[in-house]
């Protein structure tokens, strides 16, 4: 240490002090012999260690926690199997641009190259950190204790800046336990906590505003970047002043309230005719915080969601690589969505103080909503049992307060929610977008509830997704988290079963024995919940759902509601390229199993 005076603290203890100064409240993870030094340091800390029974639960919970708090979450992992168990949740966060710092234990430095217990080194020594290289923003291997402070500081800044995402700090276990001087941590104590976001200049703002003002049919198309930037208020002000309708990607759902008079809805494969046709007819697409992903854009096929070229694109995004990636762009701006919209709002009011109104368009949107709900009314009020998915969503919306947080998974609970379930508070829907990870929703609800303990949290999940990691119930019970898991149980991997049935005429490997109403030798999810110490109820009729939800919310207890559901496909108006792969030149989508 070149004569530096040691202060008696280990690197692990310095790490915990650093996290406290960054106001980290929770660390998610699971113990292992490589990280117990950090756990020992956490024992006397105000930071709560959220212990789980499987590392994927930790990374999914941390993902949702970061979505709600808007700050980087922290995951503590063991080496090799712990790190690979975590990987799915970390990759899910990466594809949805969620900030996360993963601190992982590793083999001791003095065993590099010797292939000690649990080391992954079939092709390179001390290389477990490379497992995360394809999806994290950066992976560090800490080989010197005195570099830990600098690396941690960089890790948080990188996770939270630009296009957010996870980073990995990989630490050999002997470095966790090394006693070092506080000098390196003292040097960064007064460093800034967050970087300033890039904005937009007035000249570019005027160019954008003038183009939109002169357009006959402009459409704002927004993605998850609006929510990451916490720019819903600024977006609303701008589109209201410019009189622009708003379409959104799956990840952009809830950027504005779904009942706002200018909201068209979600685009793409599961979009409605109104939103897809409005985007097709747009002369200008004002895109903010979106990556124009495949399902949102009907696999980029012209004639279904977007006609680009044809429509001109103005694209604002924090990440330069996203601009022009999938569609040619007329004006591309690298900027934070909130900062850019603040300038655009000011310039728009200076240049066009009266703003723009499109009452005919607002009437068209209102009429479509009325008609859509009327067409869905029979399904949304059906007493059929197993239940219609539309009825499940309708009753859930009735039971929940406007600011309830919903976590979804995959299948009807994601696609149907995106299409038919009104989100009334920006940022209150947490869904796995880019990775579309089955199993995200149930542990995600744990992270959401820890981040917002005073809000109602409901996980809408299929039986396939709930079955991925039911041990998350143990964590919820131990922490006394009032979460409701509503299992939309069609006794199948329903979306894939419908796809396979439509194209191949069978459901091999996609359904479970028995039926939704009477599964054969299948798991009883209500029984599983009770075994973990939670409340568990298997419903026997459609009319039981609404009172069961109301009672579960009032109880303040972790509760699983197992609801048998008919496996109807989510209606589609867009397109998905896989349909062409399976059934070229045929008009085939999904069918009920």
Foldseek 3Di string as FASTA:
>chain_A
DVPDDFPPDALLLLVLVVCVLLVAAEEEEEDDPLCVLNVVSCPPPNRYYQYFDFLCLRLLLQLLLCLLVLFAHEYEFEPARRVVRNQLSQQLSQQLLGFYEYEYEDAAPVCWPVPDPRDDQPPHTPPRQVVNVVGFPEEDEDPDLLCVQVVVLVQRAQQNDQRHGYYYYYYYSVNRGDTGHCVSNVVCSPPDSYDDWFADDLVVLLVVLVVLLPWPQEAEEEALLLSSLVQLVLVVLLCVQQVHAYEYALRCAQSAWCPPLRYQAQAAFLADPRQQVSQQPGQEYEYEHDLCDCRSCQNVDPPFRHDAVRREYAYEGLDPCSAPVRGDHDHYHNTRRNRHSVSSSVSNCVVPVNGDHDVVSSVVSVVVVVVVCVVCVCQLPPFDPLHALNVLLNLVLVQFDLQAAEEEADFCRRSVCRHPHTRHHHSRYHYRPPSSHQQSQPSNQVSNCVSPVVHAYEYEHEPRSCVPRVSVLLSCQVVLRLYEYEYAYFQWLQQVQQQCCQQPVGRPPTGADDGLLDGDPDDDVQVSNVVSPFHGEEDDISVVNNVVSNVSNVVSGYYYYYRRYFSAHNDTRGHHCVVCVRPNPDDTDGGTD
